[in-house]
Amino acid sequence: MDGGTGLRLRHFVQIVDTHTAGEPTRIATGGLPPIPGDSMIDRRCWLETTGAPLRGFLLDEPRGHHDMFGAIITPPVHPESNFGVIFLDNNGTLAMCGHGTIGVVTALITLGQTEQDDLVLDTPAGLVHCRVNRTNGEVSSVTFQNVPAFCLHDLNWNGFSLHLSYGGNLFALVDAASIGLHADKDHLSELIDTGMAIRSWANEQTETYHPTTGERLTIDLVEFYEAGDPDRNVVVFGDRQVDRSPCGTGTCAKMAFLHATGKLALEKEYRYSSILGTEFIGKIVSETMVGTVPGIVPEITGSAYVTAIGSLVLTNNDPFPTGFSLERENR
């Protein structure tokens, strides 16, 4: 394989890089081998195990960096969907991603892979309904209606409350002020250390299953939130990875928590700010039941921007076919 370059290549992968509210998404649109699996969950599992080297190739150094995030476009499984998507962080995969969804839809429109302004993405978490918003013909933002979100039980960590809430991924929500921190850049190192400690401890303390699918849910992200105008968060996930955006699934999880505690009504706009001061706009479209658990149908609006269109290549003699991470190797 030479990809038309004259080079002897093992991989020639077409990509689009975007950022959504500052958070990157590297989107693989072509050139990868087919991702096997009869469902999007099966495909995600394959990428967690056999296909893990592909994640390293796409996201890790020398082609990426420690905080790179990714998405792989696949054919959909569900007949009512347009595209399949699997999301990648720096240490594995996620069932759903809000900033990634906004980036993927923006990229698909930019590349001309679809002319539809209403799309359905098939994700491991379920179907995500997306709407493109335009200004003067250009994509100005994307609104997506996520899978149902719901609030679960609390855990007591060293005398502090962790609120477990699901927004496509399972979060531990933490009031930053309650543990003497602020959701800002000045406390970033402490937030990362504390977030990793909380996630490890919480997953040892609880065994949680999705109320309708029965799928085992692990706490994949820790969301430190802070009250303000608007509220702000810092989300820690992956291997000490920090979300630059307000986190779409985290915003959904937070809205489910606020609604369950009587602090956010239906159809009321909820603005959520990131560590950079960028915002997503959330709204609860309706209430629903997720099995026997009360939940909400959340909607998120945000904007993504294309930063690069190109290809990643792997030559036959490259000593780093699956990438590397100095951060992980030095711990």
Protein backbone atom coordinates (compact mmCIF):
# COMPACT_ATOMS: atom_id res chain seq x y z
CA MET A 1 0.00 0.00 0.00
CA ASP A 2 1.34 3.45 -0.84
CA GLY A 3 -1.75 5.70 -0.60
CA GLY A 4 -0.59 7.38 -3.82
CA THR A 5 2.52 8.70 -2.07
CA GLY A 6 5.16 6.30 -3.36
CA LEU A 7 5.92 5.36 0.26
CA ARG A 8 5.63 1.79 1.50
CA LEU A 9 2.87 2.08 4.08
CA ARG A 10 1.19 -0.16 6.61
CA HIS A 11 -1.55 2.40 7.40
CA PHE A 12 -2.97 5.31 5.42
CA VAL A 13 -5.87 6.72 7.44
CA GLN A 14 -7.99 9.72 6.45
CA ILE A 15 -8.72 12.05 9.35
CA VAL A 16 -10.43 15.30 10.21
CA ASP A 17 -9.34 17.14 13.35
CA THR A 18 -11.83 19.40 15.09
CA HIS A 19 -12.15 21.18 18.38
CA THR A 20 -15.42 21.65 20.22
CA ALA A 21 -15.29 24.47 22.75
CA GLY A 22 -11.53 23.88 22.87
CA GLU A 23 -11.58 20.07 23.24
CA PRO A 24 -10.01 18.17 20.31
CA THR A 25 -11.53 15.31 18.38
CA ARG A 26 -9.49 13.39 15.82
CA ILE A 27 -12.04 11.74 13.54
CA ALA A 28 -10.99 8.74 11.44
CA THR A 29 -13.18 8.83 8.35
CA GLY A 30 -11.52 6.19 6.15
CA GLY A 31 -8.58 3.87 5.64
CA LEU A 32 -9.00 1.75 8.76
CA PRO A 33 -9.85 -1.95 8.52
CA PRO A 34 -13.51 -2.79 9.22
CA ILE A 35 -14.31 -2.77 12.94
CA PRO A 36 -15.89 -6.18 13.64
CA GLY A 37 -19.04 -6.63 15.73
CA ASP A 38 -22.77 -7.16 15.37
CA SER A 39 -23.52 -4.16 17.59
CA MET A 40 -21.84 -0.88 18.44
CA ILE A 41 -21.16 -2.30 21.91
CA ASP A 42 -19.38 -5.28 20.31
CA ARG A 43 -17.32 -2.93 18.15
CA ARG A 44 -16.38 -0.87 21.19
CA CYS A 45 -15.28 -4.05 23.00
CA TRP A 46 -13.11 -5.03 20.03
CA LEU A 47 -11.39 -1.63 20.11
CA GLU A 48 -10.78 -2.04 23.85
CA THR A 49 -9.00 -5.36 23.29
CA THR A 50 -7.80 -6.61 19.90
CA GLY A 51 -8.07 -3.19 18.26
CA ALA A 52 -6.37 -1.23 21.04
CA PRO A 53 -3.23 -0.59 18.92
CA LEU A 54 -5.39 1.43 16.50
CA ARG A 55 -6.26 3.82 19.31
CA GLY A 56 -2.57 4.29 20.08
CA PHE A 57 -1.76 4.88 16.42
CA LEU A 58 -4.46 7.55 16.08
CA LEU A 59 -4.13 9.43 19.37
CA ASP A 60 -0.78 8.86 21.06
CA GLU A 61 2.56 10.46 20.27
CA PRO A 62 4.15 10.99 17.79
CA ARG A 63 0.94 11.58 15.79
CA GLY A 64 -1.13 12.85 18.69
CA HIS A 65 -0.65 13.91 22.29
CA HIS A 66 -1.63 13.00 25.86
CA ASP A 67 -4.96 14.85 25.83
CA MET A 68 -6.02 13.92 22.30
CA PHE A 69 -9.53 12.54 21.90
CA GLY A 70 -10.81 10.52 18.96
CA ALA A 71 -13.76 9.11 17.06
CA ILE A 72 -13.96 6.36 14.46
CA ILE A 73 -16.75 6.52 11.88
CA THR A 74 -18.21 3.09 11.04
CA PRO A 75 -21.21 1.85 9.09
CA PRO A 76 -24.24 1.99 11.40
CA VAL A 77 -25.85 -1.11 12.89
CA HIS A 78 -29.28 0.28 13.74
CA PRO A 79 -31.46 0.68 10.62
CA GLU A 80 -32.73 4.10 11.74
CA SER A 81 -29.24 5.62 11.98
CA ASN A 82 -26.98 7.29 9.41
CA PHE A 83 -23.47 6.69 10.80
CA GLY A 84 -21.87 4.58 13.52
CA VAL A 85 -19.39 6.24 15.88
CA ILE A 86 -17.02 4.89 18.52
CA PHE A 87 -15.27 7.37 20.80
CA LEU A 88 -11.66 7.04 22.03
CA ASP A 89 -9.82 8.64 24.93
CA ASN A 90 -6.14 8.38 25.81
CA ASN A 91 -6.59 5.07 27.62
CA GLY A 92 -9.52 3.31 25.95
CA THR A 93 -13.02 4.06 24.70
CA LEU A 94 -16.21 5.75 25.88
CA ALA A 95 -19.80 4.71 25.16
CA MET A 96 -20.81 8.24 24.20
CA CYS A 97 -19.28 11.70 23.91
CA GLY A 98 -21.07 15.03 23.52
CA HIS A 99 -18.22 17.22 22.32
CA GLY A 100 -17.20 14.38 19.99
CA THR A 101 -20.73 14.15 18.59
CA ILE A 102 -20.71 17.86 17.77
CA GLY A 103 -17.28 17.50 16.15
CA VAL A 104 -18.27 14.42 14.13
CA VAL A 105 -21.42 16.02 12.72
CA THR A 106 -19.53 19.22 11.85
CA ALA A 107 -16.82 17.18 10.11
CA LEU A 108 -19.30 15.07 8.13
CA ILE A 109 -21.02 18.21 6.83
CA THR A 110 -17.69 19.90 6.06
CA LEU A 111 -16.45 16.88 4.09
CA GLY A 112 -19.70 16.66 2.15
CA GLN A 113 -20.32 13.11 3.38
CA THR A 114 -23.93 14.08 4.03
CA GLU A 115 -26.22 16.91 3.02
CA GLN A 116 -28.76 16.13 5.72
CA ASP A 117 -29.19 18.60 8.56
CA ASP A 118 -30.89 15.95 10.70
CA LEU A 119 -28.73 12.92 11.46
CA VAL A 120 -28.88 9.93 13.76
CA LEU A 121 -25.62 8.55 15.14
CA ASP A 122 -25.40 4.94 16.27
CA THR A 123 -23.20 4.87 19.40
CA PRO A 124 -22.47 2.16 21.99
CA ALA A 125 -24.75 4.10 24.37
CA GLY A 126 -27.64 4.17 21.88
CA LEU A 127 -29.08 6.39 19.18
CA VAL A 128 -28.22 10.10 19.30
CA HIS A 129 -30.37 12.47 17.26
CA CYS A 130 -28.50 15.48 15.85
CA ARG A 131 -29.58 18.70 14.18
CA VAL A 132 -27.28 21.05 12.27
CA ASN A 133 -27.84 24.77 12.85
CA ARG A 134 -26.63 27.09 10.08
CA THR A 135 -25.81 30.77 9.70
CA ASN A 136 -25.46 32.05 6.13
CA GLY A 137 -25.26 28.45 4.96
CA GLU A 138 -22.35 27.56 7.27
CA VAL A 139 -22.59 25.20 10.23
CA SER A 140 -22.78 27.45 13.29
CA SER A 141 -23.66 24.85 15.91
CA VAL A 142 -24.98 21.34 16.41
CA THR A 143 -27.82 20.33 18.71
CA PHE A 144 -28.09 16.72 19.80
CA GLN A 145 -30.72 14.88 21.78
CA ASN A 146 -28.85 12.38 23.87
CA VAL A 147 -29.79 8.99 25.24
CA PRO A 148 -31.83 9.26 28.47
CA ALA A 149 -29.89 10.51 31.48
CA PHE A 150 -30.61 9.57 35.07
CA CYS A 151 -29.36 10.11 38.59
CA LEU A 152 -28.41 7.14 40.77
CA HIS A 153 -27.22 6.91 44.38
CA ASP A 154 -24.58 8.82 46.30
CA LEU A 155 -21.30 7.51 47.67
CA ASN A 156 -19.52 8.86 50.74
CA TRP A 157 -15.85 9.48 49.98
CA ASN A 158 -13.85 10.62 53.02
CA GLY A 159 -16.97 12.36 54.34
CA PHE A 160 -17.81 14.04 51.01
CA SER A 161 -20.70 13.20 48.68
CA LEU A 162 -20.16 11.74 45.22
CA HIS A 163 -23.32 11.85 43.13
CA LEU A 164 -23.44 9.04 40.55
CA SER A 165 -25.24 10.22 37.44
CA TYR A 166 -25.46 8.85 33.90
CA GLY A 167 -25.47 10.98 30.75
CA GLY A 168 -24.33 8.42 28.17
CA ASN A 169 -21.38 7.62 30.44
CA LEU A 170 -21.41 7.16 34.21
CA PHE A 171 -20.05 10.12 36.19
CA ALA A 172 -19.13 10.83 39.76
CA LEU A 173 -20.26 14.42 40.30
CA VAL A 174 -18.34 16.33 42.97
CA ASP A 175 -19.01 19.80 44.36
CA ALA A 176 -15.48 21.22 44.10
CA ALA A 177 -16.02 23.66 46.97
CA SER A 178 -17.04 20.83 49.30
CA ILE A 179 -13.53 19.37 49.07
CA GLY A 180 -11.76 22.72 49.22
CA LEU A 181 -11.04 23.10 45.48
CA HIS A 182 -12.15 25.32 42.63
CA ALA A 183 -13.01 24.19 39.10
CA ASP A 184 -10.31 26.29 37.47
CA LYS A 185 -6.82 26.18 35.95
CA ASP A 186 -5.09 27.13 39.20
CA HIS A 187 -6.23 23.87 40.83
CA LEU A 188 -5.71 21.63 37.80
CA SER A 189 -3.03 19.34 39.25
CA GLU A 190 -5.05 18.79 42.42
CA LEU A 191 -8.22 18.16 40.41
CA ILE A 192 -6.45 15.53 38.29
CA ASP A 193 -4.94 13.75 41.29
CA THR A 194 -8.21 13.85 43.23
CA GLY A 195 -10.27 12.81 40.22
CA MET A 196 -8.15 9.73 39.59
CA ALA A 197 -8.28 8.77 43.28
CA ILE A 198 -12.05 9.22 43.42
CA ARG A 199 -12.65 7.17 40.28
CA SER A 200 -10.47 4.29 41.43
CA TRP A 201 -12.07 4.23 44.89
CA ALA A 202 -15.65 4.59 43.61
CA ASN A 203 -15.33 1.73 41.13
CA GLU A 204 -14.12 -0.50 43.97
CA GLN A 205 -17.10 0.46 46.14
CA THR A 206 -20.02 0.00 43.78
CA GLU A 207 -21.24 -2.29 41.02
CA THR A 208 -23.71 -0.53 38.75
CA TYR A 209 -25.78 -1.77 35.81
CA HIS A 210 -27.81 0.13 33.23
CA PRO A 211 -31.49 -0.13 34.22
CA THR A 212 -32.70 -1.19 30.74
CA THR A 213 -29.77 -2.84 28.96
CA GLY A 214 -28.28 -4.59 31.99
CA GLU A 215 -24.82 -3.51 30.81
CA ARG A 216 -22.21 -3.12 33.54
CA LEU A 217 -21.43 0.56 34.01
CA THR A 218 -18.07 1.71 35.29
CA ILE A 219 -17.49 5.22 36.56
CA ASP A 220 -15.39 6.55 33.70
CA LEU A 221 -15.36 10.28 34.44
CA VAL A 222 -15.21 12.52 37.50
CA GLU A 223 -16.90 15.91 37.14
CA PHE A 224 -15.96 18.69 39.54
CA TYR A 225 -18.61 21.39 39.42
CA GLU A 226 -18.84 24.88 40.82
CA ALA A 227 -21.88 27.14 41.15
CA GLY A 228 -21.75 30.43 39.30
CA ASP A 229 -23.25 32.44 36.47
CA PRO A 230 -22.98 30.18 34.59
CA ASP A 231 -22.03 27.03 36.51
CA ARG A 232 -18.60 25.66 35.65
CA ASN A 233 -16.94 22.25 35.61
CA VAL A 234 -13.68 20.41 35.14
CA VAL A 235 -14.00 16.80 33.98
CA VAL A 236 -11.16 14.30 34.55
CA PHE A 237 -11.17 11.00 32.66
CA GLY A 238 -9.04 8.49 30.75
CA ASP A 239 -5.46 8.40 32.03
CA ARG A 240 -5.30 11.78 33.79
CA GLN A 241 -7.00 13.44 30.82
CA VAL A 242 -8.82 16.78 31.23
CA ASP A 243 -11.76 17.94 29.12
CA ARG A 244 -11.26 21.43 27.71
CA SER A 245 -14.98 21.68 26.86
CA PRO A 246 -17.89 21.68 29.34
CA CYS A 247 -18.34 17.95 28.49
CA GLY A 248 -21.57 17.10 26.69
CA THR A 249 -22.37 13.84 28.48
CA GLY A 250 -21.27 15.49 31.73
CA THR A 251 -23.72 18.33 31.13
CA CYS A 252 -26.47 15.73 30.59
CA ALA A 253 -25.50 13.93 33.81
CA LYS A 254 -25.45 17.23 35.70
CA MET A 255 -28.90 18.20 34.39
CA ALA A 256 -30.27 14.80 35.47
CA PHE A 257 -28.86 15.43 38.97
CA LEU A 258 -30.25 18.97 39.12
CA HIS A 259 -33.67 17.82 37.94
CA ALA A 260 -33.75 14.96 40.45
CA THR A 261 -32.99 17.42 43.26
CA GLY A 262 -35.62 19.93 42.09
CA LYS A 263 -33.13 22.54 40.84
CA LEU A 264 -33.73 22.44 37.06
CA ALA A 265 -37.13 22.46 35.39
CA LEU A 266 -38.16 21.11 32.00
CA GLU A 267 -37.33 23.31 28.99
CA LYS A 268 -35.22 25.70 31.09
CA GLU A 269 -31.95 26.69 29.44
CA TYR A 270 -28.88 25.47 31.33
CA ARG A 271 -25.56 27.07 30.41
CA TYR A 272 -22.46 25.21 31.52
CA SER A 273 -18.93 26.60 31.32
CA SER A 274 -15.60 24.84 30.87
CA ILE A 275 -12.15 25.38 32.32
CA LEU A 276 -11.54 27.67 29.29
CA GLY A 277 -14.76 29.65 29.76
CA THR A 278 -16.38 28.10 26.67
CA GLU A 279 -20.01 27.02 27.01
CA PHE A 280 -22.57 24.39 26.08
CA ILE A 281 -26.28 25.12 26.29
CA GLY A 282 -28.36 22.33 27.76
CA LYS A 283 -32.07 21.75 28.12
CA ILE A 284 -34.29 19.00 29.50
CA VAL A 285 -36.71 18.12 26.70
CA SER A 286 -38.87 15.72 28.70
CA GLU A 287 -39.01 13.33 31.60
CA THR A 288 -38.83 9.59 31.00
CA MET A 289 -38.41 6.28 32.80
CA VAL A 290 -35.23 4.28 32.31
CA GLY A 291 -36.50 0.92 33.45
CA THR A 292 -37.66 1.69 36.98
CA VAL A 293 -35.39 4.74 37.35
CA PRO A 294 -36.76 8.27 36.70
CA GLY A 295 -34.76 10.04 34.02
CA ILE A 296 -34.70 12.87 31.53
CA VAL A 297 -34.26 13.32 27.79
CA PRO A 298 -31.46 15.92 27.54
CA GLU A 299 -30.49 18.19 24.66
CA ILE A 300 -27.13 19.92 24.18
CA THR A 301 -26.05 22.66 21.76
CA GLY A 302 -22.44 23.55 21.02
CA SER A 303 -20.07 24.52 18.23
CA ALA A 304 -17.11 22.72 16.67
CA TYR A 305 -14.43 23.95 14.29
CA VAL A 306 -12.36 22.02 11.76
CA THR A 307 -8.64 22.44 12.45
CA ALA A 308 -7.11 19.97 9.99
CA ILE A 309 -8.00 17.63 7.14
CA GLY A 310 -5.44 15.04 6.09
CA SER A 311 -4.02 11.58 6.54
CA LEU A 312 -2.02 9.67 9.12
CA VAL A 313 0.51 7.23 7.73
CA LEU A 314 2.56 4.37 9.11
CA THR A 315 5.62 3.50 7.07
CA ASN A 316 7.03 -0.01 7.14
CA ASN A 317 10.12 0.95 9.16
CA ASP A 318 8.46 3.24 11.75
CA PRO A 319 9.57 2.10 15.25
CA PHE A 320 6.34 3.41 16.85
CA PRO A 321 3.49 1.68 15.00
CA THR A 322 1.13 1.98 17.98
CA GLY A 323 2.44 5.27 19.34
CA PHE A 324 3.77 5.93 22.82
CA SER A 325 3.03 8.02 25.90
CA LEU A 326 5.83 9.41 28.02
CA GLU A 327 3.30 10.27 30.74
CA ARG A 328 2.20 6.65 31.12
CA GLU A 329 5.68 5.19 30.70
CA ASN A 330 7.15 7.46 33.41
CA ARG A 331 4.65 6.35 36.08
